[in-house]
Amino acid sequence: MSAPVLTLLPAVDVTGGRAAQVVDGGSDDPLTVARRWVDQGARWVHLVDLDRAYRRGSDLKLLTGLVAALPVPVQLSGGLDDPSSVEAALASGARRVNLAVTALRDPAWVAELVREHADRIAIGIDVVHGEVVARGSGETLGPWELLVDRLLDALGAHSPGAYVVADASRDGRRTGVDRALFATVVGRLGPSVVASGGVSTLEDLRALREVGVSGVVLGAALYHGAFTLADALEAVR
C-alpha cells in the first residue's frame, strides 16, 4: 500500500496586523502572504492569531477578513480555549478552528464542542519532551499520553476534524522532524494528525507521510526557502 497524500498547510502567523514570519524584506501583509501560498498550490492555509495566543489582544477581525478573501479553507488557531473565543472563531467562517492546548484542562468541554461542531473542531496538542505545554503561558499540563487518554475517554465515539500535534521543542527551528514521536502519536490517535515542528527538508515531509499523518503545517522551512511549496507538494504526491 502506498503512503497517503499529505495535505500541506502553509502557516500565516499574524501579530499586530502583520505576518510575522516574513524574511528578506518581503511583504508582511497577511493577505498578500496567504495568497502567495494559494497561488503556489496550497489547498489549505493555517492562520494563527499570535496576539490572542500570547494574551496581548486579538487580530480576529483581520483574520475574519482573510478567511472571506481566500479561495481555500482555513484552519484558524491561537488562544482558543474558552466558549466566547471559540464561538467567535467559528463565526469567522474558518473551515476548522484549532483549540489551544489549554482547552485540554477540560476534556468534557472539548468533547462537547466536537459533538456539536464535528469536523470544524481541531484539537491542538503541543509537546515538549513528552509533556504537553501551553506555549503562551509556559504552563505544563502533564505527559501527553495521559492527556490523550483522558481526551479519548471524553470523546467516546466522536472524532474531531484533526489533532494538530506540534513538536514544540523543534517548532520554527528547522532541526528535522522527530519521526518516532509522530509515529507514536498516529498509533494512539489515528491518521487524523496534522503535524508541526522541525520540518527542514523534503525528506522530513516524506518521513511524516510514511508514519501516517494526514497533514503538515509548514512555517519556517517555507519562509526561509529550504524548499518551495511546489517542490513540497510534488514530494508528497
C-alpha atoms as a PDB file:
ATOM      1  CA  MET A   1       0.000   0.000   0.000  1.00  0.00           C
ATOM      2  CA  SER A   2       1.402   3.393  -0.950  1.00  0.00           C
ATOM      3  CA  ALA A   3       1.728   6.190   1.613  1.00  0.00           C
ATOM      4  CA  PRO A   4      -1.173   8.644   1.679  1.00  0.00           C
ATOM      5  CA  VAL A   5      -1.030  12.056   0.068  1.00  0.00           C
ATOM      6  CA  LEU A   6      -0.356  14.748   2.662  1.00  0.00           C
ATOM      7  CA  THR A   7      -2.297  17.973   2.978  1.00  0.00           C
ATOM      8  CA  LEU A   8       0.208  20.796   3.374  1.00  0.00           C
ATOM      9  CA  LEU A   9      -0.962  23.841   5.333  1.00  0.00           C
ATOM     10  CA  PRO A  10       1.307  26.890   4.963  1.00  0.00           C
ATOM     11  CA  ALA A  11       1.129  28.950   8.141  1.00  0.00           C
ATOM     12  CA  VAL A  12       0.488  32.673   8.295  1.00  0.00           C
ATOM     13  CA  ASP A  13       1.188  33.888  11.825  1.00  0.00           C
ATOM     14  CA  VAL A  14      -0.340  37.320  12.440  1.00  0.00           C
ATOM     15  CA  THR A  15       0.673  39.809  15.113  1.00  0.00           C
ATOM     16  CA  GLY A  16      -0.187  43.479  15.212  1.00  0.00           C
ATOM     17  CA  GLY A  17      -1.944  43.100  11.893  1.00  0.00           C
ATOM     18  CA  ARG A  18       1.187  41.903  10.070  1.00  0.00           C
ATOM     19  CA  ALA A  19       2.528  38.494   9.016  1.00  0.00           C
ATOM     20  CA  ALA A  20       5.236  37.565  11.485  1.00  0.00           C
ATOM     21  CA  GLN A  21       7.432  35.082   9.612  1.00  0.00           C
ATOM     22  CA  VAL A  22       8.348  37.059   6.508  1.00  0.00           C
ATOM     23  CA  VAL A  23      12.088  37.361   5.818  1.00  0.00           C
ATOM     24  CA  ASP A  24      14.322  39.179   3.317  1.00  0.00           C
ATOM     25  CA  GLY A  25      12.174  42.274   3.031  1.00  0.00           C
ATOM     26  CA  GLY A  26       9.109  40.627   1.521  1.00  0.00           C
ATOM     27  CA  SER A  27       5.625  41.976   2.039  1.00  0.00           C
ATOM     28  CA  ASP A  28       4.269  41.327   5.508  1.00  0.00           C
ATOM     29  CA  ASP A  29       0.678  41.992   4.511  1.00  0.00           C
ATOM     30  CA  PRO A  30      -1.108  38.825   5.710  1.00  0.00           C
ATOM     31  CA  LEU A  31      -3.432  38.625   2.706  1.00  0.00           C
ATOM     32  CA  THR A  32      -0.537  39.023   0.264  1.00  0.00           C
ATOM     33  CA  VAL A  33       1.395  36.290   2.057  1.00  0.00           C
ATOM     34  CA  ALA A  34      -1.564  33.914   2.210  1.00  0.00           C
ATOM     35  CA  ARG A  35      -2.458  34.479  -1.440  1.00  0.00           C
ATOM     36  CA  ARG A  36       1.115  33.725  -2.421  1.00  0.00           C
ATOM     37  CA  TRP A  37       0.815  30.273  -0.862  1.00  0.00           C
ATOM     38  CA  VAL A  38      -2.544  29.701  -2.537  1.00  0.00           C
ATOM     39  CA  ASP A  39      -1.117  30.800  -5.890  1.00  0.00           C
ATOM     40  CA  GLN A  40       1.650  28.226  -5.396  1.00  0.00           C
ATOM     41  CA  GLY A  41      -0.821  25.416  -4.870  1.00  0.00           C
ATOM     42  CA  ALA A  42      -1.864  25.418  -1.200  1.00  0.00           C
ATOM     43  CA  ARG A  43      -5.277  23.829  -0.672  1.00  0.00           C
ATOM     44  CA  TRP A  44      -5.439  24.921   2.974  1.00  0.00           C
ATOM     45  CA  VAL A  45      -3.987  27.840   4.943  1.00  0.00           C
ATOM     46  CA  HIS A  46      -3.192  27.740   8.659  1.00  0.00           C
ATOM     47  CA  LEU A  47      -3.889  31.194  10.153  1.00  0.00           C
ATOM     48  CA  VAL A  48      -2.589  31.963  13.636  1.00  0.00           C
ATOM     49  CA  ASP A  49      -3.661  34.838  15.878  1.00  0.00           C
ATOM     50  CA  LEU A  50      -0.398  35.231  17.776  1.00  0.00           C
ATOM     51  CA  ASP A  51      -1.694  38.138  19.821  1.00  0.00           C
ATOM     52  CA  ARG A  52      -4.542  36.070  21.226  1.00  0.00           C
ATOM     53  CA  ALA A  53      -2.240  33.083  21.711  1.00  0.00           C
ATOM     54  CA  TYR A  54       0.092  35.209  23.861  1.00  0.00           C
ATOM     55  CA  ARG A  55      -2.756  37.070  25.638  1.00  0.00           C
ATOM     56  CA  ARG A  56      -1.903  40.516  24.255  1.00  0.00           C
ATOM     57  CA  GLY A  57      -5.048  41.265  22.265  1.00  0.00           C
ATOM     58  CA  SER A  58      -6.568  39.752  19.137  1.00  0.00           C
ATOM     59  CA  ASP A  59      -6.421  40.067  15.365  1.00  0.00           C
ATOM     60  CA  LEU A  60      -9.685  38.180  14.839  1.00  0.00           C
ATOM     61  CA  LYS A  61     -11.365  40.961  12.851  1.00  0.00           C
ATOM     62  CA  LEU A  62      -8.474  40.968  10.367  1.00  0.00           C
ATOM     63  CA  LEU A  63      -8.370  37.180  10.243  1.00  0.00           C
ATOM     64  CA  THR A  64     -12.102  37.020   9.551  1.00  0.00           C
ATOM     65  CA  GLY A  65     -11.488  39.221   6.514  1.00  0.00           C
ATOM     66  CA  LEU A  66      -8.698  36.902   5.373  1.00  0.00           C
ATOM     67  CA  VAL A  67     -10.961  33.863   5.690  1.00  0.00           C
ATOM     68  CA  ALA A  68     -13.532  35.571   3.460  1.00  0.00           C
ATOM     69  CA  ALA A  69     -10.915  36.657   0.912  1.00  0.00           C
ATOM     70  CA  LEU A  70      -9.152  33.322   0.479  1.00  0.00           C
ATOM     71  CA  PRO A  71     -10.467  30.726  -2.006  1.00  0.00           C
ATOM     72  CA  VAL A  72      -9.283  27.771   0.096  1.00  0.00           C
ATOM     73  CA  PRO A  73     -10.363  26.501   3.522  1.00  0.00           C
ATOM     74  CA  VAL A  74      -8.664  27.978   6.560  1.00  0.00           C
ATOM     75  CA  GLN A  75      -7.607  26.386   9.831  1.00  0.00           C
ATOM     76  CA  LEU A  76      -7.725  29.165  12.455  1.00  0.00           C
ATOM     77  CA  SER A  77      -5.589  28.919  15.566  1.00  0.00           C
ATOM     78  CA  GLY A  78      -4.413  30.966  18.516  1.00  0.00           C
ATOM     79  CA  GLY A  79      -5.624  31.103  22.094  1.00  0.00           C
ATOM     80  CA  LEU A  80      -8.967  29.369  21.535  1.00  0.00           C
ATOM     81  CA  ASP A  81      -9.701  27.915  24.953  1.00  0.00           C
ATOM     82  CA  ASP A  82     -12.984  29.383  26.190  1.00  0.00           C
ATOM     83  CA  PRO A  83     -16.560  29.471  24.866  1.00  0.00           C
ATOM     84  CA  SER A  84     -16.506  33.088  23.676  1.00  0.00           C
ATOM     85  CA  SER A  85     -13.237  32.786  21.734  1.00  0.00           C
ATOM     86  CA  VAL A  86     -14.297  29.511  20.104  1.00  0.00           C
ATOM     87  CA  GLU A  87     -17.707  30.918  19.181  1.00  0.00           C
ATOM     88  CA  ALA A  88     -16.075  33.987  17.601  1.00  0.00           C
ATOM     89  CA  ALA A  89     -13.582  31.817  15.713  1.00  0.00           C
ATOM     90  CA  LEU A  90     -16.352  29.596  14.352  1.00  0.00           C
ATOM     91  CA  ALA A  91     -18.284  32.715  13.302  1.00  0.00           C
ATOM     92  CA  SER A  92     -15.269  33.854  11.252  1.00  0.00           C
ATOM     93  CA  GLY A  93     -16.178  31.271   8.623  1.00  0.00           C
ATOM     94  CA  ALA A  94     -12.973  29.282   9.100  1.00  0.00           C
ATOM     95  CA  ARG A  95     -13.472  25.703   7.960  1.00  0.00           C
ATOM     96  CA  ARG A  96     -11.723  24.437  11.075  1.00  0.00           C
ATOM     97  CA  VAL A  97     -10.763  26.068  14.384  1.00  0.00           C
ATOM     98  CA  ASN A  98      -7.829  24.682  16.331  1.00  0.00           C
ATOM     99  CA  LEU A  99      -8.340  24.665  20.092  1.00  0.00           C
ATOM    100  CA  ALA A 100      -5.478  25.878  22.233  1.00  0.00           C
ATOM    101  CA  VAL A 101      -3.651  23.357  24.377  1.00  0.00           C
ATOM    102  CA  THR A 102      -5.131  25.000  27.488  1.00  0.00           C
ATOM    103  CA  ALA A 103      -8.566  23.748  26.373  1.00  0.00           C
ATOM    104  CA  LEU A 104      -7.350  20.284  27.371  1.00  0.00           C
ATOM    105  CA  ARG A 105      -7.786  21.262  31.019  1.00  0.00           C
ATOM    106  CA  ASP A 106     -11.469  20.469  30.413  1.00  0.00           C
ATOM    107  CA  PRO A 107     -11.745  17.372  28.183  1.00  0.00           C
ATOM    108  CA  ALA A 108     -15.511  17.203  28.724  1.00  0.00           C
ATOM    109  CA  TRP A 109     -15.947  20.686  27.235  1.00  0.00           C
ATOM    110  CA  VAL A 110     -13.692  19.798  24.308  1.00  0.00           C
ATOM    111  CA  ALA A 111     -15.779  16.680  23.694  1.00  0.00           C
ATOM    112  CA  GLU A 112     -18.959  18.760  23.818  1.00  0.00           C
ATOM    113  CA  LEU A 113     -17.555  21.076  21.145  1.00  0.00           C
ATOM    114  CA  VAL A 114     -16.667  18.106  18.941  1.00  0.00           C
ATOM    115  CA  ARG A 115     -20.135  16.612  19.357  1.00  0.00           C
ATOM    116  CA  GLU A 116     -21.717  19.944  18.401  1.00  0.00           C
ATOM    117  CA  HIS A 117     -19.399  21.078  15.605  1.00  0.00           C
ATOM    118  CA  ALA A 118     -17.876  17.787  14.384  1.00  0.00           C
ATOM    119  CA  ASP A 119     -15.007  18.215  11.946  1.00  0.00           C
ATOM    120  CA  ARG A 120     -14.917  22.001  12.312  1.00  0.00           C
ATOM    121  CA  ILE A 121     -13.048  21.440  15.573  1.00  0.00           C
ATOM    122  CA  ALA A 122      -9.342  20.606  15.664  1.00  0.00           C
ATOM    123  CA  ILE A 123      -7.582  19.848  18.937  1.00  0.00           C
ATOM    124  CA  GLY A 124      -4.135  21.319  19.479  1.00  0.00           C
ATOM    125  CA  ILE A 125      -1.548  19.288  21.378  1.00  0.00           C
ATOM    126  CA  ASP A 126       1.882  20.925  21.842  1.00  0.00           C
ATOM    127  CA  VAL A 127       4.532  18.503  23.085  1.00  0.00           C
ATOM    128  CA  VAL A 128       7.965  19.202  24.571  1.00  0.00           C
ATOM    129  CA  HIS A 129       9.988  16.144  25.612  1.00  0.00           C
ATOM    130  CA  GLY A 130       6.846  14.106  26.206  1.00  0.00           C
ATOM    131  CA  GLU A 131       4.983  16.806  28.146  1.00  0.00           C
ATOM    132  CA  VAL A 132       2.043  18.869  26.890  1.00  0.00           C
ATOM    133  CA  VAL A 133       2.871  22.562  27.250  1.00  0.00           C
ATOM    134  CA  ALA A 134       0.956  25.804  26.767  1.00  0.00           C
ATOM    135  CA  ARG A 135       3.469  27.928  24.923  1.00  0.00           C
ATOM    136  CA  GLY A 136       1.674  31.206  25.575  1.00  0.00           C
ATOM    137  CA  SER A 137       2.000  30.784  29.331  1.00  0.00           C
ATOM    138  CA  GLY A 138       4.748  28.211  29.813  1.00  0.00           C
ATOM    139  CA  GLU A 139       2.288  26.009  31.741  1.00  0.00           C
ATOM    140  CA  THR A 140       2.879  22.255  31.664  1.00  0.00           C
ATOM    141  CA  LEU A 141      -0.287  20.153  31.607  1.00  0.00           C
ATOM    142  CA  GLY A 142       1.304  16.726  32.014  1.00  0.00           C
ATOM    143  CA  PRO A 143       2.501  13.743  29.947  1.00  0.00           C
ATOM    144  CA  TRP A 144       0.935  13.723  26.507  1.00  0.00           C
ATOM    145  CA  GLU A 145      -0.113  10.075  26.719  1.00  0.00           C
ATOM    146  CA  LEU A 146      -2.070  10.758  29.920  1.00  0.00           C
ATOM    147  CA  LEU A 147      -3.838  13.803  28.473  1.00  0.00           C
ATOM    148  CA  VAL A 148      -4.637  11.934  25.278  1.00  0.00           C
ATOM    149  CA  ASP A 149      -6.120   9.041  27.254  1.00  0.00           C
ATOM    150  CA  ARG A 150      -8.366  11.441  29.169  1.00  0.00           C
ATOM    151  CA  LEU A 151      -9.352  13.188  25.963  1.00  0.00           C
ATOM    152  CA  LEU A 152     -10.208   9.977  24.132  1.00  0.00           C
ATOM    153  CA  ASP A 153     -12.281   8.801  27.074  1.00  0.00           C
ATOM    154  CA  ALA A 154     -14.243  12.059  26.948  1.00  0.00           C
ATOM    155  CA  LEU A 155     -14.674  11.947  23.164  1.00  0.00           C
ATOM    156  CA  GLY A 156     -16.020   8.407  23.104  1.00  0.00           C
ATOM    157  CA  ALA A 157     -17.240   7.641  19.593  1.00  0.00           C
ATOM    158  CA  HIS A 158     -16.862  11.241  18.399  1.00  0.00           C
ATOM    159  CA  SER A 159     -13.842  12.460  16.449  1.00  0.00           C
ATOM    160  CA  PRO A 160     -12.545  15.973  15.740  1.00  0.00           C
ATOM    161  CA  GLY A 161     -11.597  17.215  12.299  1.00  0.00           C
ATOM    162  CA  ALA A 162      -7.926  16.931  13.229  1.00  0.00           C
ATOM    163  CA  TYR A 163      -5.444  16.672  16.029  1.00  0.00           C
ATOM    164  CA  VAL A 164      -2.862  19.397  15.404  1.00  0.00           C
ATOM    165  CA  VAL A 165       0.197  17.988  17.136  1.00  0.00           C
ATOM    166  CA  ALA A 166       3.228  20.253  17.408  1.00  0.00           C
ATOM    167  CA  ASP A 167       6.680  19.153  18.462  1.00  0.00           C
ATOM    168  CA  ALA A 168       7.098  22.485  20.222  1.00  0.00           C
ATOM    169  CA  SER A 169      10.752  21.814  21.062  1.00  0.00           C
ATOM    170  CA  ARG A 170      11.506  21.980  17.328  1.00  0.00           C
ATOM    171  CA  ASP A 171       8.875  24.426  16.067  1.00  0.00           C
ATOM    172  CA  GLY A 172      10.466  27.098  13.902  1.00  0.00           C
ATOM    173  CA  ARG A 173      13.976  25.660  14.275  1.00  0.00           C
ATOM    174  CA  ARG A 174      14.275  23.516  11.129  1.00  0.00           C
ATOM    175  CA  THR A 175      16.137  20.815  13.024  1.00  0.00           C
ATOM    176  CA  GLY A 176      14.367  17.848  11.413  1.00  0.00           C
ATOM    177  CA  VAL A 177      11.233  16.025  12.499  1.00  0.00           C
ATOM    178  CA  ASP A 178      11.003  13.527  15.333  1.00  0.00           C
ATOM    179  CA  ARG A 179       9.704  10.626  13.292  1.00  0.00           C
ATOM    180  CA  ALA A 180       9.376   8.349  16.332  1.00  0.00           C
ATOM    181  CA  LEU A 181       7.205  10.878  18.160  1.00  0.00           C
ATOM    182  CA  PHE A 182       4.756  11.241  15.302  1.00  0.00           C
ATOM    183  CA  ALA A 183       4.656   7.509  14.649  1.00  0.00           C
ATOM    184  CA  THR A 184       3.668   7.009  18.280  1.00  0.00           C
ATOM    185  CA  VAL A 185       1.092   9.808  18.132  1.00  0.00           C
ATOM    186  CA  VAL A 186      -0.507   8.361  14.998  1.00  0.00           C
ATOM    187  CA  GLY A 187      -0.570   4.963  16.640  1.00  0.00           C
ATOM    188  CA  ARG A 188      -2.580   6.447  19.508  1.00  0.00           C
ATOM    189  CA  LEU A 189      -4.779   8.980  17.674  1.00  0.00           C
ATOM    190  CA  GLY A 190      -5.076   7.533  14.182  1.00  0.00           C
ATOM    191  CA  PRO A 191      -4.383   9.201  10.842  1.00  0.00           C
ATOM    192  CA  SER A 192      -6.178  12.499  11.508  1.00  0.00           C
ATOM    193  CA  VAL A 193      -2.961  14.010  12.900  1.00  0.00           C
ATOM    194  CA  VAL A 194      -1.690  17.261  11.431  1.00  0.00           C
ATOM    195  CA  ALA A 195       1.992  17.519  12.333  1.00  0.00           C
ATOM    196  CA  SER A 196       4.025  20.625  13.067  1.00  0.00           C
ATOM    197  CA  GLY A 197       7.574  21.268  14.158  1.00  0.00           C
ATOM    198  CA  GLY A 198      11.073  20.690  12.865  1.00  0.00           C
ATOM    199  CA  VAL A 199      10.453  20.306   9.138  1.00  0.00           C
ATOM    200  CA  SER A 200      13.657  21.267   7.334  1.00  0.00           C
ATOM    201  CA  THR A 201      13.816  19.151   4.182  1.00  0.00           C
ATOM    202  CA  LEU A 202      11.602  17.349   1.719  1.00  0.00           C
ATOM    203  CA  GLU A 203      12.759  14.115   3.331  1.00  0.00           C
ATOM    204  CA  ASP A 204      11.115  15.247   6.553  1.00  0.00           C
ATOM    205  CA  LEU A 205       7.814  15.534   4.688  1.00  0.00           C
ATOM    206  CA  ARG A 206       8.239  12.084   3.200  1.00  0.00           C
ATOM    207  CA  ALA A 207       9.013  10.682   6.660  1.00  0.00           C
ATOM    208  CA  LEU A 208       5.833  12.201   8.084  1.00  0.00           C
ATOM    209  CA  ARG A 209       3.808  10.792   5.221  1.00  0.00           C
ATOM    210  CA  GLU A 210       5.269   7.352   5.853  1.00  0.00           C
ATOM    211  CA  VAL A 211       4.296   7.370   9.547  1.00  0.00           C
ATOM    212  CA  GLY A 212       0.721   8.167   8.538  1.00  0.00           C
ATOM    213  CA  VAL A 213      -0.076  11.779   9.430  1.00  0.00           C
ATOM    214  CA  SER A 214      -2.752  13.386   7.271  1.00  0.00           C
ATOM    215  CA  GLY A 215      -1.296  16.880   7.125  1.00  0.00           C
ATOM    216  CA  VAL A 216       1.682  19.083   7.932  1.00  0.00           C
ATOM    217  CA  VAL A 217       1.748  22.735   8.964  1.00  0.00           C
ATOM    218  CA  LEU A 218       4.635  24.437   7.166  1.00  0.00           C
ATOM    219  CA  GLY A 219       6.280  27.568   8.509  1.00  0.00           C
ATOM    220  CA  ALA A 220       9.972  28.374   8.824  1.00  0.00           C
ATOM    221  CA  ALA A 221      11.162  25.978   6.114  1.00  0.00           C
ATOM    222  CA  LEU A 222       8.974  27.727   3.533  1.00  0.00           C
ATOM    223  CA  TYR A 223       9.710  31.251   4.666  1.00  0.00           C
ATOM    224  CA  HIS A 224      13.472  30.664   4.739  1.00  0.00           C
ATOM    225  CA  GLY A 225      13.499  28.975   1.330  1.00  0.00           C
ATOM    226  CA  ALA A 226      14.538  25.468   2.393  1.00  0.00           C
ATOM    227  CA  PHE A 227      12.236  24.331  -0.413  1.00  0.00           C
ATOM    228  CA  THR A 228       9.350  25.763  -2.397  1.00  0.00           C
ATOM    229  CA  LEU A 229       5.740  24.864  -1.800  1.00  0.00           C
ATOM    230  CA  ALA A 230       5.619  23.447  -5.333  1.00  0.00           C
ATOM    231  CA  ASP A 231       8.556  21.157  -4.509  1.00  0.00           C
ATOM    232  CA  ALA A 232       6.866  20.093  -1.272  1.00  0.00           C
ATOM    233  CA  LEU A 233       3.587  19.288  -2.986  1.00  0.00           C
ATOM    234  CA  GLU A 234       5.412  17.231  -5.595  1.00  0.00           C
ATOM    235  CA  ALA A 235       7.438  15.391  -2.934  1.00  0.00           C
ATOM    236  CA  VAL A 236       4.345  14.146  -1.098  1.00  0.00           C
ATOM    237  CA  ARG A 237       2.124  13.454  -4.100  1.00  0.00           C
END
